[in-house]
């Protein structure tokens, strides 16, 4: 019988970093947190989206969030990485509804926690 060799993934998980721009400054700290988190898990970053309409529209009505979601549905990424749940929505029900849509598309939302 041949020796058993461990199965190694042939493809790194690709993630979309989704950031909220709530004022005129670029969200550098949030980007750094998300990049560090992705690198800690050896995840590739397929796209970085900076959305400046976070505070005026719910998650279902933001074109930039929909662009991040399309990366999941098009199988270009397997997850959306955010610095906090509030980046998607400060309303728990809205966050959960969007997270469910992502999961139905075979992806997930990951909150980057500081180490």
N, C-alpha and C. Protein backbone atom coordinates (compact mmCIF):
# COMPACT_ATOMS: atom_id res chain seq x y z
N UNK A 1 0.84 -1.17 0.00
CA UNK A 1 0.00 0.00 0.00
C UNK A 1 0.89 1.24 0.00
N UNK A 2 0.61 2.25 -0.85
CA UNK A 2 1.43 3.46 -0.90
C UNK A 2 1.27 4.26 0.39
N UNK A 3 2.27 5.06 0.74
CA UNK A 3 2.15 5.87 1.95
C UNK A 3 1.07 6.94 1.79
N UNK A 4 0.47 7.28 2.88
CA UNK A 4 -0.56 8.32 2.88
C UNK A 4 0.13 9.67 2.98
N UNK A 5 -0.19 10.53 2.06
CA UNK A 5 0.38 11.88 2.09
C UNK A 5 -0.72 12.86 2.43
N UNK A 6 -0.40 13.86 3.22
CA UNK A 6 -1.43 14.84 3.58
C UNK A 6 -1.90 15.61 2.35
N UNK A 7 -3.15 15.94 2.36
CA UNK A 7 -3.74 16.71 1.27
C UNK A 7 -3.46 18.19 1.55
N UNK A 8 -2.89 18.85 0.59
CA UNK A 8 -2.63 20.28 0.74
C UNK A 8 -3.50 21.03 -0.25
N UNK A 9 -4.08 22.13 0.19
CA UNK A 9 -4.93 22.89 -0.73
C UNK A 9 -4.10 23.44 -1.89
N UNK A 10 -4.69 23.41 -3.05
CA UNK A 10 -3.98 23.92 -4.23
C UNK A 10 -4.28 25.39 -4.46
N UNK A 11 -5.25 25.91 -3.75
CA UNK A 11 -5.63 27.30 -3.97
C UNK A 11 -5.83 27.99 -2.63
N UNK A 12 -5.27 29.15 -2.47
CA UNK A 12 -5.42 29.94 -1.26
C UNK A 12 -6.79 30.60 -1.28
N UNK A 13 -7.43 30.68 -0.11
CA UNK A 13 -8.70 31.40 -0.01
C UNK A 13 -8.47 32.85 -0.40
N UNK A 14 -9.30 33.34 -1.28
CA UNK A 14 -9.26 34.75 -1.69
C UNK A 14 -10.36 35.50 -0.94
N UNK A 15 -10.03 36.69 -0.46
CA UNK A 15 -11.01 37.50 0.26
C UNK A 15 -11.11 38.88 -0.37
N UNK A 16 -12.26 39.49 -0.16
CA UNK A 16 -12.48 40.89 -0.52
C UNK A 16 -12.43 41.67 0.79
N UNK A 17 -11.60 42.67 0.86
CA UNK A 17 -11.60 43.55 2.02
C UNK A 17 -12.60 44.66 1.73
N UNK A 18 -13.59 44.81 2.61
CA UNK A 18 -14.62 45.83 2.44
C UNK A 18 -14.50 46.82 3.59
N UNK A 19 -14.25 48.08 3.24
CA UNK A 19 -14.02 49.14 4.23
C UNK A 19 -15.06 50.25 4.08
N UNK A 20 -15.36 50.90 5.17
CA UNK A 20 -16.27 52.03 5.17
C UNK A 20 -15.48 53.33 5.28
N UNK A 21 -15.75 54.24 4.39
CA UNK A 21 -15.13 55.57 4.46
C UNK A 21 -16.20 56.52 4.98
N UNK A 22 -16.11 56.86 6.26
CA UNK A 22 -17.15 57.67 6.87
C UNK A 22 -16.81 59.15 6.94
N UNK A 23 -15.59 59.51 6.61
CA UNK A 23 -15.23 60.92 6.51
C UNK A 23 -14.27 61.07 5.33
N UNK A 24 -13.60 62.20 5.24
CA UNK A 24 -12.75 62.42 4.08
C UNK A 24 -11.42 61.65 4.13
N UNK A 25 -11.09 61.08 5.28
CA UNK A 25 -9.82 60.36 5.41
C UNK A 25 -9.96 58.91 4.93
N UNK A 26 -8.92 58.41 4.30
CA UNK A 26 -8.88 57.01 3.89
C UNK A 26 -8.77 56.15 5.15
N UNK A 27 -9.52 55.05 5.25
CA UNK A 27 -9.50 54.22 6.46
C UNK A 27 -8.26 53.33 6.55
N UNK A 28 -7.10 53.96 6.71
CA UNK A 28 -5.82 53.23 6.72
C UNK A 28 -5.72 52.22 7.85
N UNK A 29 -6.17 52.58 9.02
CA UNK A 29 -6.06 51.67 10.17
C UNK A 29 -6.89 50.40 9.93
N UNK A 30 -8.11 50.58 9.42
CA UNK A 30 -8.96 49.42 9.13
C UNK A 30 -8.35 48.55 8.04
N UNK A 31 -7.77 49.18 7.02
CA UNK A 31 -7.13 48.42 5.96
C UNK A 31 -5.96 47.62 6.51
N UNK A 32 -5.15 48.24 7.34
CA UNK A 32 -4.00 47.56 7.94
C UNK A 32 -4.45 46.37 8.78
N UNK A 33 -5.50 46.56 9.57
CA UNK A 33 -6.04 45.47 10.39
C UNK A 33 -6.48 44.30 9.52
N UNK A 34 -7.22 44.60 8.46
CA UNK A 34 -7.73 43.54 7.58
C UNK A 34 -6.60 42.85 6.82
N UNK A 35 -5.64 43.62 6.33
CA UNK A 35 -4.51 43.01 5.62
C UNK A 35 -3.72 42.09 6.55
N UNK A 36 -3.46 42.55 7.75
CA UNK A 36 -2.72 41.73 8.72
C UNK A 36 -3.47 40.44 9.03
N UNK A 37 -4.77 40.55 9.19
CA UNK A 37 -5.60 39.38 9.48
C UNK A 37 -5.54 38.39 8.33
N UNK A 38 -5.70 38.88 7.11
CA UNK A 38 -5.65 38.01 5.93
C UNK A 38 -4.30 37.32 5.82
N UNK A 39 -3.23 38.06 6.03
CA UNK A 39 -1.89 37.48 5.93
C UNK A 39 -1.63 36.46 7.03
N UNK A 40 -2.20 36.67 8.21
CA UNK A 40 -2.02 35.73 9.31
C UNK A 40 -2.59 34.35 8.97
N UNK A 41 -3.62 34.33 8.13
CA UNK A 41 -4.24 33.06 7.73
C UNK A 41 -3.82 32.64 6.32
N UNK A 42 -2.85 33.36 5.76
CA UNK A 42 -2.35 33.06 4.43
C UNK A 42 -3.46 33.16 3.37
N UNK A 43 -4.34 34.13 3.54
CA UNK A 43 -5.40 34.37 2.58
C UNK A 43 -4.92 35.38 1.55
N UNK A 44 -5.34 35.20 0.31
CA UNK A 44 -5.06 36.18 -0.73
C UNK A 44 -6.13 37.25 -0.73
N UNK A 45 -5.77 38.43 -1.17
CA UNK A 45 -6.72 39.55 -1.24
C UNK A 45 -7.03 39.79 -2.71
N UNK A 46 -8.26 39.50 -3.09
CA UNK A 46 -8.63 39.63 -4.50
C UNK A 46 -9.09 41.04 -4.85
N UNK A 47 -9.58 41.78 -3.87
CA UNK A 47 -10.11 43.12 -4.13
C UNK A 47 -10.20 43.87 -2.81
N UNK A 48 -9.95 45.16 -2.87
CA UNK A 48 -10.16 46.05 -1.72
C UNK A 48 -11.21 47.07 -2.15
N UNK A 49 -12.30 47.13 -1.40
CA UNK A 49 -13.40 48.03 -1.72
C UNK A 49 -13.52 49.04 -0.59
N UNK A 50 -13.50 50.32 -0.96
CA UNK A 50 -13.70 51.40 0.01
C UNK A 50 -15.01 52.08 -0.35
N UNK A 51 -15.98 52.00 0.55
CA UNK A 51 -17.33 52.50 0.29
C UNK A 51 -17.57 53.78 1.07
N UNK A 52 -17.98 54.83 0.37
CA UNK A 52 -18.26 56.09 1.04
C UNK A 52 -19.76 56.34 1.19
N UNK A 53 -20.59 55.32 0.96
CA UNK A 53 -22.04 55.47 1.11
C UNK A 53 -22.59 54.62 2.25
N UNK A 54 -21.73 54.22 3.16
CA UNK A 54 -22.13 53.33 4.25
C UNK A 54 -23.20 53.95 5.14
N UNK A 55 -23.08 55.21 5.47
CA UNK A 55 -23.99 55.82 6.43
C UNK A 55 -25.31 56.28 5.81
N UNK A 56 -25.46 56.22 4.52
CA UNK A 56 -26.68 56.72 3.90
C UNK A 56 -27.59 55.63 3.34
N UNK A 57 -27.09 54.41 3.22
CA UNK A 57 -27.88 53.34 2.62
C UNK A 57 -27.68 52.03 3.38
N UNK A 58 -28.72 51.21 3.37
CA UNK A 58 -28.61 49.88 3.95
C UNK A 58 -27.76 48.99 3.06
N UNK A 59 -27.33 47.84 3.56
CA UNK A 59 -26.41 46.99 2.81
C UNK A 59 -26.94 46.52 1.46
N UNK A 60 -28.23 46.36 1.33
CA UNK A 60 -28.79 45.90 0.07
C UNK A 60 -28.81 46.95 -1.02
N UNK A 61 -28.50 48.18 -0.65
CA UNK A 61 -28.60 49.30 -1.61
C UNK A 61 -27.28 50.02 -1.83
N UNK A 62 -26.17 49.38 -1.50
CA UNK A 62 -24.85 50.00 -1.69
C UNK A 62 -24.13 49.33 -2.85
N UNK A 63 -23.92 50.05 -3.94
CA UNK A 63 -23.25 49.47 -5.11
C UNK A 63 -21.87 48.88 -4.79
N UNK A 64 -21.12 49.51 -3.90
CA UNK A 64 -19.77 49.01 -3.60
C UNK A 64 -19.83 47.70 -2.80
N UNK A 65 -20.81 47.57 -1.93
CA UNK A 65 -20.98 46.31 -1.20
C UNK A 65 -21.46 45.22 -2.15
N UNK A 66 -22.30 45.60 -3.09
CA UNK A 66 -22.76 44.63 -4.09
C UNK A 66 -21.59 44.17 -4.97
N UNK A 67 -20.65 45.06 -5.25
CA UNK A 67 -19.46 44.67 -6.02
C UNK A 67 -18.63 43.65 -5.24
N UNK A 68 -18.52 43.84 -3.93
CA UNK A 68 -17.82 42.86 -3.09
C UNK A 68 -18.58 41.53 -3.11
N UNK A 69 -19.89 41.59 -3.02
CA UNK A 69 -20.72 40.38 -3.05
C UNK A 69 -20.58 39.64 -4.39
N UNK A 70 -20.48 40.38 -5.48
CA UNK A 70 -20.30 39.75 -6.80
C UNK A 70 -19.02 38.93 -6.87
N UNK A 71 -18.00 39.33 -6.14
CA UNK A 71 -16.76 38.54 -6.09
C UNK A 71 -17.04 37.16 -5.51
N UNK A 72 -17.99 37.08 -4.58
CA UNK A 72 -18.39 35.80 -4.00
C UNK A 72 -19.19 34.99 -5.02
N UNK A 73 -20.20 35.62 -5.62
CA UNK A 73 -21.07 34.90 -6.55
C UNK A 73 -20.33 34.49 -7.81
N UNK A 74 -19.31 35.26 -8.20
CA UNK A 74 -18.50 34.91 -9.38
C UNK A 74 -17.35 33.96 -9.04
N UNK A 75 -17.27 33.56 -7.78
CA UNK A 75 -16.24 32.63 -7.29
C UNK A 75 -14.82 33.20 -7.41
N UNK A 76 -14.71 34.52 -7.40
CA UNK A 76 -13.40 35.16 -7.39
C UNK A 76 -12.85 35.26 -5.97
N UNK A 77 -13.76 35.15 -4.99
CA UNK A 77 -13.39 35.21 -3.57
C UNK A 77 -14.34 34.31 -2.79
N UNK A 78 -13.89 33.90 -1.62
CA UNK A 78 -14.71 33.04 -0.77
C UNK A 78 -15.21 33.73 0.48
N UNK A 79 -14.72 34.96 0.72
CA UNK A 79 -15.13 35.66 1.93
C UNK A 79 -15.02 37.17 1.74
N UNK A 80 -15.80 37.86 2.55
CA UNK A 80 -15.70 39.32 2.65
C UNK A 80 -15.13 39.59 4.03
N UNK A 81 -14.02 40.28 4.07
CA UNK A 81 -13.31 40.58 5.32
C UNK A 81 -13.58 42.03 5.69
N UNK A 82 -14.10 42.26 6.89
CA UNK A 82 -14.46 43.60 7.36
C UNK A 82 -13.80 43.87 8.71
N UNK A 83 -13.56 45.14 9.03
CA UNK A 83 -12.97 45.46 10.34
C UNK A 83 -13.96 45.33 11.49
N UNK A 84 -15.27 45.42 11.20
CA UNK A 84 -16.29 45.26 12.23
C UNK A 84 -17.62 44.91 11.57
N UNK A 85 -18.53 44.34 12.34
CA UNK A 85 -19.86 44.03 11.81
C UNK A 85 -20.56 45.30 11.35
N UNK A 86 -20.32 46.41 12.06
CA UNK A 86 -20.97 47.68 11.74
C UNK A 86 -20.58 48.19 10.35
N UNK A 87 -19.48 47.70 9.80
CA UNK A 87 -19.09 48.09 8.46
C UNK A 87 -20.17 47.66 7.46
N UNK A 88 -20.76 46.50 7.69
CA UNK A 88 -21.88 46.04 6.86
C UNK A 88 -23.14 46.77 7.29
N UNK A 89 -23.43 46.76 8.59
CA UNK A 89 -24.58 47.48 9.14
C UNK A 89 -24.51 47.49 10.66
N UNK A 90 -24.82 48.64 11.26
CA UNK A 90 -24.88 48.69 12.73
C UNK A 90 -26.16 48.03 13.26
N UNK A 91 -27.07 47.70 12.35
CA UNK A 91 -28.32 47.05 12.73
C UNK A 91 -28.12 45.54 12.59
N UNK A 92 -28.25 44.82 13.70
CA UNK A 92 -27.97 43.38 13.73
C UNK A 92 -28.76 42.62 12.67
N UNK A 93 -30.03 42.93 12.50
CA UNK A 93 -30.86 42.23 11.53
C UNK A 93 -30.37 42.44 10.10
N UNK A 94 -29.95 43.65 9.76
CA UNK A 94 -29.43 43.91 8.42
C UNK A 94 -28.12 43.17 8.19
N UNK A 95 -27.24 43.17 9.20
CA UNK A 95 -25.99 42.42 9.06
C UNK A 95 -26.28 40.95 8.84
N UNK A 96 -27.15 40.38 9.66
CA UNK A 96 -27.48 38.95 9.57
C UNK A 96 -28.10 38.60 8.22
N UNK A 97 -28.96 39.46 7.72
CA UNK A 97 -29.60 39.22 6.43
C UNK A 97 -28.55 39.20 5.30
N UNK A 98 -27.63 40.15 5.33
CA UNK A 98 -26.59 40.18 4.30
C UNK A 98 -25.65 38.98 4.45
N UNK A 99 -25.29 38.64 5.68
CA UNK A 99 -24.42 37.49 5.92
C UNK A 99 -25.07 36.21 5.40
N UNK A 100 -26.37 36.10 5.55
CA UNK A 100 -27.09 34.93 5.05
C UNK A 100 -27.01 34.87 3.51
N UNK A 101 -27.15 36.01 2.86
CA UNK A 101 -27.02 36.05 1.39
C UNK A 101 -25.64 35.58 0.96
N UNK A 102 -24.62 36.03 1.67
CA UNK A 102 -23.24 35.64 1.35
C UNK A 102 -23.08 34.13 1.55
N UNK A 103 -23.61 33.60 2.64
CA UNK A 103 -23.51 32.17 2.91
C UNK A 103 -24.25 31.34 1.87
N UNK A 104 -25.40 31.81 1.41
CA UNK A 104 -26.14 31.10 0.37
C UNK A 104 -25.35 31.07 -0.94
N UNK A 105 -24.47 32.04 -1.13
CA UNK A 105 -23.61 32.09 -2.32
C UNK A 105 -22.31 31.33 -2.08
N UNK A 106 -22.25 30.56 -1.00
CA UNK A 106 -21.09 29.72 -0.64
C UNK A 106 -19.89 30.53 -0.15
N UNK A 107 -20.14 31.65 0.48
CA UNK A 107 -19.07 32.45 1.05
C UNK A 107 -19.35 32.72 2.52
N UNK A 108 -18.56 33.60 3.11
CA UNK A 108 -18.80 34.01 4.49
C UNK A 108 -18.24 35.40 4.72
N UNK A 109 -18.71 36.03 5.78
CA UNK A 109 -18.19 37.32 6.20
C UNK A 109 -17.33 37.07 7.42
N UNK A 110 -16.11 37.61 7.41
CA UNK A 110 -15.20 37.45 8.54
C UNK A 110 -14.86 38.83 9.10
N UNK A 111 -15.01 38.99 10.41
CA UNK A 111 -14.60 40.22 11.07
C UNK A 111 -13.15 40.06 11.48
N UNK A 112 -12.32 40.99 11.04
CA UNK A 112 -10.88 40.97 11.38
C UNK A 112 -10.71 41.49 12.78
N UNK A 113 -10.28 40.62 13.66
CA UNK A 113 -10.05 41.03 15.04
C UNK A 113 -8.58 41.34 15.23
N UNK A 114 -8.30 42.30 16.06
CA UNK A 114 -6.91 42.67 16.35
C UNK A 114 -6.26 41.61 17.20
N UNK A 115 -4.98 41.37 16.94
CA UNK A 115 -4.24 40.39 17.72
C UNK A 115 -3.38 41.08 18.74
